[in-house]
Amino acid sequence: MARFHPLTVQQVRKTIRDAVEVTFAQPDGSDFQFIQGQYLTFRRDFDGVELRRSYSICSAADGGPLQVGIKRVEGGAFSTWANDNLEPGMVLEAMPPMGSFHTPLDPAAARNYLGFAGGSGITPVLSIIRTVLAGEPKSQFTLVYANRGVNTIMFREELEDLKNTYMGRFSVIHVLEQDAQEIDLFQGRVDAEKCAALFEHWVDIASVDTAFICGPEPMMLTIAEALRANGLTNTQIKFELFASSQPGRLKQKANAKGDAAVGAQVTQATVTMDGTARSFEMGKDISILDAALQNALDAPFACKAGVCSTCKCKVLEGEVEMLANHALEDYEVAQGYVLSCQSYPVTDTVVVDYDQ
């Protein structure tokens, strides 16, 4: 089970006015070795309330520095504090890297990658780009990066440096919503019409092996549909949702089986964590995660919105209803994995395991 560890801040650098790149001193041991595209979950106490937030790693997975990008969110306590107050020498508590927003690399492969990023969604995509270009010398990467304007482009200089370093292998298409561009196609929102035009004039979609998408949910769904319409399969499309349209957990649905079949409104739950099983009673109107926390179990979580997969566990017995899932792959769900923050028991007995 993942636990929090101290990370010492080595450097804090502004990338744009309202975003910082945070570099950490190399942590001891192997807990923080990461795969490109993964994220870190941090926790901090604000006026007696513990907040947990996840931020993507932006550095390459090649033994270099451990870095994350944190963009200020309006009303966001953690992101505002990080942008205004974080300094070298401070210590943050973080879980080891997590996430499956990546594909295995092969140094002998010659692949064609396509990336779509919106705003701070560039953070994990940048890690992927850096790692792919260094780790697969024959592969190419095209990035479509959507922002409001030039002054909101995170890591603009870093992307230009990559273009110069990997000339002919890496290209960037900036699509700006507000600022005028020389090419009309590169202005406006990335919608279905924009995707169609990009695929017709700028991106050889037939040659793409894998596409990565990270940004707001509406944009991601539109792009994914356009990719499918142009021949890509679900296995070729990788998602990372950096912000959910749901600020917290979704409202629990009414029991579809009807009142007559509801039965007892109490479930006998057994939760395995760190090799130890703990049993307790819980209501059917509370999530598996919240019930575990209420029973003094240190279950892992970050967003509580079905986005980050930090709270993933496996259902071994019984049945749960998962109300939202923006993180698990279809094959993981088929194997019995659920997001415990969004999962509610529908049977009188439920057994879940966080260790698998």
Protein backbone atom coordinates (compact mmCIF):
# COMPACT_ATOMS: atom_id res chain seq x y z
CA MET A 1 0.00 0.00 0.00
CA ALA A 2 1.32 3.41 -0.95
CA ARG A 3 2.21 5.67 1.96
CA PHE A 4 3.32 9.28 2.17
CA HIS A 5 7.01 10.12 2.20
CA PRO A 6 8.84 13.43 2.67
CA LEU A 7 10.13 15.19 -0.45
CA THR A 8 12.42 18.21 -0.12
CA VAL A 9 11.82 21.06 -2.55
CA GLN A 10 15.01 21.91 -4.41
CA GLN A 11 13.77 24.57 -6.83
CA VAL A 12 10.56 26.45 -7.66
CA ARG A 13 10.44 28.06 -11.09
CA LYS A 14 7.66 30.06 -12.74
CA THR A 15 6.71 28.69 -16.15
CA ILE A 16 3.94 31.23 -16.70
CA ARG A 17 2.39 33.82 -14.39
CA ASP A 18 0.12 31.33 -12.63
CA ALA A 19 2.07 28.06 -12.82
CA VAL A 20 5.26 26.70 -11.30
CA GLU A 21 7.61 23.83 -11.96
CA VAL A 22 8.70 22.25 -8.69
CA THR A 23 11.94 20.24 -8.57
CA PHE A 24 12.58 17.89 -5.66
CA ALA A 25 15.86 16.68 -4.23
CA GLN A 26 16.56 13.10 -5.25
CA PRO A 27 14.68 10.95 -2.69
CA ASP A 28 16.36 7.95 -1.08
CA GLY A 29 15.49 4.46 -2.26
CA SER A 30 13.43 3.34 -5.25
CA ASP A 31 9.95 4.43 -4.11
CA PHE A 32 10.01 7.45 -6.39
CA GLN A 33 11.28 5.86 -9.58
CA PHE A 34 8.59 6.72 -12.08
CA ILE A 35 7.23 5.92 -15.52
CA GLN A 36 6.61 8.75 -17.96
CA GLY A 37 3.10 10.17 -17.59
CA GLN A 38 2.66 9.30 -13.91
CA TYR A 39 1.68 11.68 -11.10
CA LEU A 40 2.38 12.38 -7.41
CA THR A 41 -0.29 12.80 -4.75
CA PHE A 42 0.52 15.38 -2.07
CA ARG A 43 -1.16 16.13 1.22
CA ARG A 44 -1.08 19.23 3.40
CA ASP A 45 -3.05 20.55 6.35
CA PHE A 46 -4.97 23.80 5.76
CA ASP A 47 -6.53 25.22 8.93
CA GLY A 48 -7.00 21.77 10.39
CA VAL A 49 -8.32 20.21 7.17
CA GLU A 50 -6.18 17.74 5.25
CA LEU A 51 -6.17 18.34 1.51
CA ARG A 52 -4.82 15.87 -1.03
CA ARG A 53 -4.02 16.92 -4.57
CA SER A 54 -2.39 15.09 -7.48
CA TYR A 55 0.05 16.74 -9.89
CA SER A 56 1.67 15.16 -12.92
CA ILE A 57 5.39 14.60 -13.26
CA CYS A 58 6.79 16.64 -16.16
CA SER A 59 10.38 15.34 -16.26
CA ALA A 60 11.67 12.46 -18.34
CA ALA A 61 11.81 8.97 -16.84
CA ASP A 62 15.53 8.62 -17.44
CA GLY A 63 17.04 9.09 -14.00
CA GLY A 64 16.86 12.87 -14.12
CA PRO A 65 15.28 15.20 -11.54
CA LEU A 66 11.82 14.60 -10.13
CA GLN A 67 9.65 17.54 -11.21
CA VAL A 68 5.94 18.37 -11.21
CA GLY A 69 3.97 21.22 -12.73
CA ILE A 70 1.39 23.01 -10.57
CA LYS A 71 -0.98 25.49 -12.18
CA ARG A 72 -3.02 27.81 -10.01
CA VAL A 73 -6.72 26.89 -9.95
CA GLU A 74 -9.20 29.61 -9.07
CA GLY A 75 -10.22 28.98 -5.46
CA GLY A 76 -7.76 26.09 -5.17
CA ALA A 77 -6.12 26.15 -1.74
CA PHE A 78 -3.22 23.82 -2.56
CA SER A 79 -2.37 25.22 -5.99
CA THR A 80 -2.58 28.81 -4.76
CA TRP A 81 -0.35 28.03 -1.79
CA ALA A 82 2.17 26.25 -4.01
CA ASN A 83 2.34 29.16 -6.46
CA ASP A 84 2.58 31.85 -3.77
CA ASN A 85 4.45 30.26 -0.88
CA LEU A 86 6.42 27.18 -1.91
CA GLU A 87 10.18 27.70 -1.53
CA PRO A 88 13.37 25.62 -1.75
CA GLY A 89 14.04 23.72 1.46
CA MET A 90 10.38 23.12 2.27
CA VAL A 91 9.25 19.51 2.68
CA LEU A 92 6.09 18.11 1.11
CA GLU A 93 4.50 14.76 1.88
CA ALA A 94 3.84 12.69 -1.25
CA MET A 95 2.79 9.21 -2.24
CA PRO A 96 5.05 7.32 -4.66
CA PRO A 97 4.30 7.81 -8.37
CA MET A 98 1.07 6.33 -9.70
CA GLY A 99 -0.90 6.26 -12.96
CA SER A 100 -1.14 4.33 -16.22
CA PHE A 101 -1.00 7.17 -18.75
CA HIS A 102 1.81 5.61 -20.78
CA THR A 103 2.80 2.80 -23.11
CA PRO A 104 5.91 0.57 -22.93
CA LEU A 105 8.89 1.87 -24.90
CA ASP A 106 11.12 -0.12 -27.23
CA PRO A 107 14.50 1.42 -28.20
CA ALA A 108 14.39 -0.44 -31.53
CA ALA A 109 10.86 0.70 -32.45
CA ALA A 110 10.03 3.35 -35.05
CA ARG A 111 6.65 4.65 -33.96
CA ASN A 112 4.55 7.69 -34.69
CA TYR A 113 2.97 9.29 -31.62
CA LEU A 114 0.32 11.99 -31.48
CA GLY A 115 -0.44 14.08 -28.41
CA PHE A 116 -3.27 16.47 -27.57
CA ALA A 117 -2.96 18.68 -24.50
CA GLY A 118 -5.11 21.47 -23.13
CA GLY A 119 -3.67 23.99 -20.65
CA SER A 120 -1.97 22.27 -17.73
CA GLY A 121 -2.70 18.94 -19.42
CA ILE A 122 0.71 19.43 -21.03
CA THR A 123 2.44 18.33 -17.81
CA PRO A 124 2.24 14.52 -18.16
CA VAL A 125 2.42 14.77 -21.95
CA LEU A 126 5.73 16.63 -21.63
CA SER A 127 7.12 13.77 -19.56
CA ILE A 128 5.98 11.32 -22.23
CA ILE A 129 7.46 13.40 -25.06
CA ARG A 130 10.82 13.77 -23.32
CA THR A 131 11.03 10.07 -22.52
CA VAL A 132 9.89 8.87 -25.95
CA LEU A 133 12.29 11.10 -27.89
CA ALA A 134 15.24 9.99 -25.76
CA GLY A 135 14.25 6.34 -25.38
CA GLU A 136 13.03 5.56 -28.91
CA PRO A 137 15.54 7.24 -31.27
CA LYS A 138 13.60 6.20 -34.39
CA SER A 139 10.19 7.40 -33.22
CA GLN A 140 8.43 10.69 -33.97
CA PHE A 141 6.01 12.78 -31.91
CA THR A 142 3.47 15.42 -32.97
CA LEU A 143 1.86 17.58 -30.29
CA VAL A 144 -1.31 19.64 -30.64
CA TYR A 145 -1.38 22.05 -27.70
CA ALA A 146 -4.48 24.15 -26.98
CA ASN A 147 -4.40 27.30 -24.85
CA ARG A 148 -6.29 30.58 -24.45
CA GLY A 149 -3.32 32.68 -25.55
CA VAL A 150 0.46 32.81 -25.86
CA ASN A 151 0.91 33.94 -22.26
CA THR A 152 -0.87 30.82 -20.95
CA ILE A 153 1.40 28.28 -22.69
CA MET A 154 3.10 26.25 -19.97
CA PHE A 155 6.61 24.98 -20.79
CA ARG A 156 6.73 26.96 -24.03
CA GLU A 157 10.52 27.31 -23.95
CA GLU A 158 10.99 23.65 -23.08
CA LEU A 159 8.90 22.60 -26.07
CA GLU A 160 10.92 24.87 -28.37
CA ASP A 161 14.14 23.37 -27.02
CA LEU A 162 12.83 19.88 -27.75
CA LYS A 163 12.00 20.94 -31.32
CA ASN A 164 15.56 22.16 -31.80
CA THR A 165 17.14 19.14 -30.12
CA TYR A 166 15.04 16.56 -32.00
CA MET A 167 14.65 18.38 -35.29
CA GLY A 168 12.54 16.37 -37.73
CA ARG A 169 11.26 14.06 -34.99
CA PHE A 170 9.20 16.44 -32.87
CA SER A 171 6.69 19.05 -34.00
CA VAL A 172 4.27 21.29 -32.10
CA ILE A 173 1.00 22.79 -33.32
CA HIS A 174 -0.19 25.57 -31.00
CA VAL A 175 -3.95 26.18 -31.17
CA LEU A 176 -4.87 29.45 -29.46
CA GLU A 177 -8.41 30.40 -28.57
CA GLN A 178 -7.93 34.16 -28.32
CA ASP A 179 -4.64 35.29 -29.89
CA ALA A 180 -4.49 35.67 -33.66
CA GLN A 181 -2.28 33.28 -35.64
CA GLU A 182 -0.83 33.39 -39.15
CA ILE A 183 -2.70 30.20 -40.03
CA ASP A 184 -6.44 30.39 -39.36
CA LEU A 185 -6.60 26.67 -38.61
CA PHE A 186 -4.49 27.22 -35.51
CA GLN A 187 -6.95 29.63 -33.93
CA GLY A 188 -10.10 28.76 -31.94
CA ARG A 189 -11.15 25.70 -29.97
CA VAL A 190 -10.09 22.13 -30.64
CA ASP A 191 -13.46 20.70 -31.68
CA ALA A 192 -14.55 18.02 -34.15
CA GLU A 193 -14.26 20.38 -37.10
CA LYS A 194 -10.77 21.45 -36.03
CA CYS A 195 -9.67 17.84 -35.65
CA ALA A 196 -10.96 16.97 -39.12
CA ALA A 197 -9.01 19.86 -40.63
CA LEU A 198 -5.84 18.98 -38.73
CA PHE A 199 -6.05 15.38 -39.88
CA GLU A 200 -6.59 16.50 -43.46
CA HIS A 201 -3.80 19.07 -43.69
CA TRP A 202 -1.25 18.63 -40.87
CA VAL A 203 -1.40 15.23 -39.18
CA ASP A 204 -1.01 11.94 -41.04
CA ILE A 205 -3.53 10.18 -38.85
CA ALA A 206 -3.18 6.89 -40.74
CA SER A 207 0.43 6.58 -39.56
CA VAL A 208 -0.28 7.19 -35.86
CA ASP A 209 0.48 4.26 -33.58
CA THR A 210 -0.60 5.78 -30.25
CA ALA A 211 -2.40 8.98 -29.28
CA PHE A 212 -2.23 10.62 -25.85
CA ILE A 213 -4.92 13.08 -24.72
CA CYS A 214 -4.84 15.15 -21.55
CA GLY A 215 -7.15 18.06 -20.84
CA PRO A 216 -10.70 19.00 -19.89
CA GLU A 217 -13.20 16.18 -20.28
CA PRO A 218 -15.31 17.72 -23.12
CA MET A 219 -12.20 18.33 -25.21
CA MET A 220 -10.87 14.83 -24.58
CA LEU A 221 -14.15 13.15 -25.55
CA THR A 222 -14.36 15.19 -28.76
CA ILE A 223 -10.79 14.38 -29.76
CA ALA A 224 -11.16 10.70 -28.92
CA GLU A 225 -14.28 10.46 -31.08
CA ALA A 226 -12.45 12.15 -33.96
CA LEU A 227 -9.54 9.72 -33.60
CA ARG A 228 -11.89 6.73 -33.66
CA ALA A 229 -13.67 8.13 -36.70
CA ASN A 230 -10.30 8.21 -38.44
CA GLY A 231 -9.39 4.62 -37.72
CA LEU A 232 -7.72 4.53 -34.30
CA THR A 233 -8.88 1.87 -31.86
CA ASN A 234 -9.54 2.33 -28.15
CA THR A 235 -6.29 0.55 -27.33
CA GLN A 236 -4.40 3.17 -29.35
CA ILE A 237 -5.93 6.08 -27.43
CA LYS A 238 -4.65 6.93 -23.93
CA PHE A 239 -6.48 9.40 -21.65
CA GLU A 240 -5.50 11.44 -18.64
CA LEU A 241 -8.21 13.68 -17.19
CA PHE A 242 -6.58 16.48 -15.21
CA ALA A 243 -9.84 18.03 -13.98
CA SER A 244 -13.25 16.53 -13.54
CA SER A 245 -16.53 18.17 -14.36
CA GLN A 246 -17.60 16.80 -10.97
CA PRO A 247 -16.03 18.74 -8.08
CA GLY A 248 -16.57 15.84 -5.68
CA ARG A 249 -18.28 12.50 -5.72
CA LEU A 250 -21.38 12.12 -7.83
CA LYS A 251 -24.76 11.91 -6.20
CA GLN A 252 -25.57 8.28 -5.57
CA LYS A 253 -28.06 6.81 -7.99
CA ALA A 254 -31.32 5.31 -6.81
CA ASN A 255 -31.15 1.55 -6.46
CA ALA A 256 -32.17 0.22 -9.86
CA LYS A 257 -33.61 -2.98 -8.36
CA GLY A 258 -36.47 -1.16 -6.65
CA ASP A 259 -37.36 -0.82 -3.01
CA ALA A 260 -38.74 -4.34 -2.74
CA ALA A 261 -35.40 -5.82 -3.69
CA VAL A 262 -33.18 -3.48 -1.73
CA GLY A 263 -33.05 -5.64 1.37
CA ALA A 264 -30.91 -4.56 4.29
CA GLN A 265 -29.37 -1.10 4.01
CA VAL A 266 -26.27 -2.31 5.84
CA THR A 267 -23.36 -4.16 4.26
CA GLN A 268 -20.76 -6.28 6.01
CA ALA A 269 -17.52 -5.05 4.46
CA THR A 270 -14.05 -6.55 4.63
CA VAL A 271 -11.14 -4.42 3.48
CA THR A 272 -7.61 -5.76 3.03
CA MET A 273 -4.75 -3.27 3.26
CA ASP A 274 -1.04 -3.89 3.86
CA GLY A 275 -1.75 -7.60 4.16
CA THR A 276 -4.27 -7.19 6.98
CA ALA A 277 -8.05 -7.70 6.60
CA ARG A 278 -10.43 -5.54 8.61
CA SER A 279 -14.21 -6.11 8.80
CA PHE A 280 -16.90 -3.58 9.69
CA GLU A 281 -20.51 -2.69 8.96
CA MET A 282 -21.26 0.15 6.56
CA GLY A 283 -24.32 1.72 5.01
CA LYS A 284 -25.13 1.30 1.35
CA ASP A 285 -25.31 5.08 0.94
CA ILE A 286 -21.60 5.60 1.58
CA SER A 287 -18.62 4.86 -0.66
CA ILE A 288 -16.17 2.07 0.11
CA LEU A 289 -13.43 4.68 0.52
CA ASP A 290 -15.35 6.87 2.97
CA ALA A 291 -16.40 3.83 5.00
CA ALA A 292 -12.79 2.69 5.24
CA LEU A 293 -11.67 6.15 6.36
CA GLN A 294 -14.46 6.33 8.94
CA ASN A 295 -13.22 3.03 10.36
CA ALA A 296 -9.69 4.37 10.88
CA LEU A 297 -8.19 2.68 7.82
CA ASP A 298 -5.56 4.75 6.02
CA ALA A 299 -6.99 4.07 2.55
CA PRO A 300 -5.25 5.91 -0.29
CA PHE A 301 -7.10 8.70 -2.09
CA ALA A 302 -6.53 12.05 -3.76
CA CYS A 303 -9.31 13.56 -5.88
CA LYS A 304 -12.42 11.66 -4.68
CA ALA A 305 -13.92 12.35 -8.12
CA GLY A 306 -13.06 9.16 -10.00
CA VAL A 307 -10.22 10.84 -11.86
CA CYS A 308 -6.83 9.90 -10.44
CA SER A 309 -7.06 6.12 -9.68
CA THR A 310 -5.22 6.58 -6.36
CA CYS A 311 -8.07 4.78 -4.53
CA LYS A 312 -8.16 1.74 -6.84
CA CYS A 313 -8.98 -1.59 -5.21
CA LYS A 314 -10.19 -5.01 -6.33
CA VAL A 315 -13.59 -6.45 -5.47
CA LEU A 316 -13.09 -10.08 -4.39
CA GLU A 317 -16.62 -10.84 -3.19
CA GLY A 318 -19.99 -9.15 -3.54
CA GLU A 319 -20.97 -6.35 -5.88
CA VAL A 320 -20.55 -2.59 -5.93
CA GLU A 321 -21.87 0.14 -8.19
CA MET A 322 -19.18 2.48 -9.52
CA LEU A 323 -20.84 5.81 -10.32
CA ALA A 324 -17.96 7.47 -12.17
CA ASN A 325 -14.76 6.21 -13.77
CA HIS A 326 -12.33 8.51 -15.54
CA ALA A 327 -9.22 6.51 -14.67
CA LEU A 328 -9.54 2.74 -15.06
CA GLU A 329 -9.14 0.93 -18.35
CA ASP A 330 -11.91 -1.41 -19.52
CA TYR A 331 -9.73 -4.47 -18.91
CA GLU A 332 -9.12 -3.37 -15.32
CA VAL A 333 -12.84 -3.07 -14.68
CA ALA A 334 -13.37 -6.50 -16.25
CA GLN A 335 -10.81 -7.91 -13.80
CA GLY A 336 -12.80 -6.55 -10.85
CA TYR A 337 -10.95 -3.31 -10.10
CA VAL A 338 -12.96 -0.28 -9.02
CA LEU A 339 -12.39 3.26 -7.81
CA SER A 340 -13.38 3.01 -4.16
CA CYS A 341 -14.26 6.72 -3.93
CA GLN A 342 -17.05 6.14 -6.46
CA SER A 343 -18.10 2.61 -5.46
CA TYR A 344 -21.15 1.83 -3.31
CA PRO A 345 -22.16 -1.65 -2.10
CA VAL A 346 -25.27 -3.23 -3.58
CA THR A 347 -24.95 -6.60 -1.84
CA ASP A 348 -25.06 -7.43 1.87
CA THR A 349 -21.42 -8.57 1.85
CA VAL A 350 -18.50 -6.90 0.07
CA VAL A 351 -14.81 -7.87 0.19
CA VAL A 352 -12.22 -5.57 -1.37
CA ASP A 353 -8.41 -5.63 -1.53
CA TYR A 354 -6.25 -2.52 -1.88
CA ASP A 355 -3.03 -4.58 -2.12
CA GLN A 356 -3.68 -6.19 -5.51
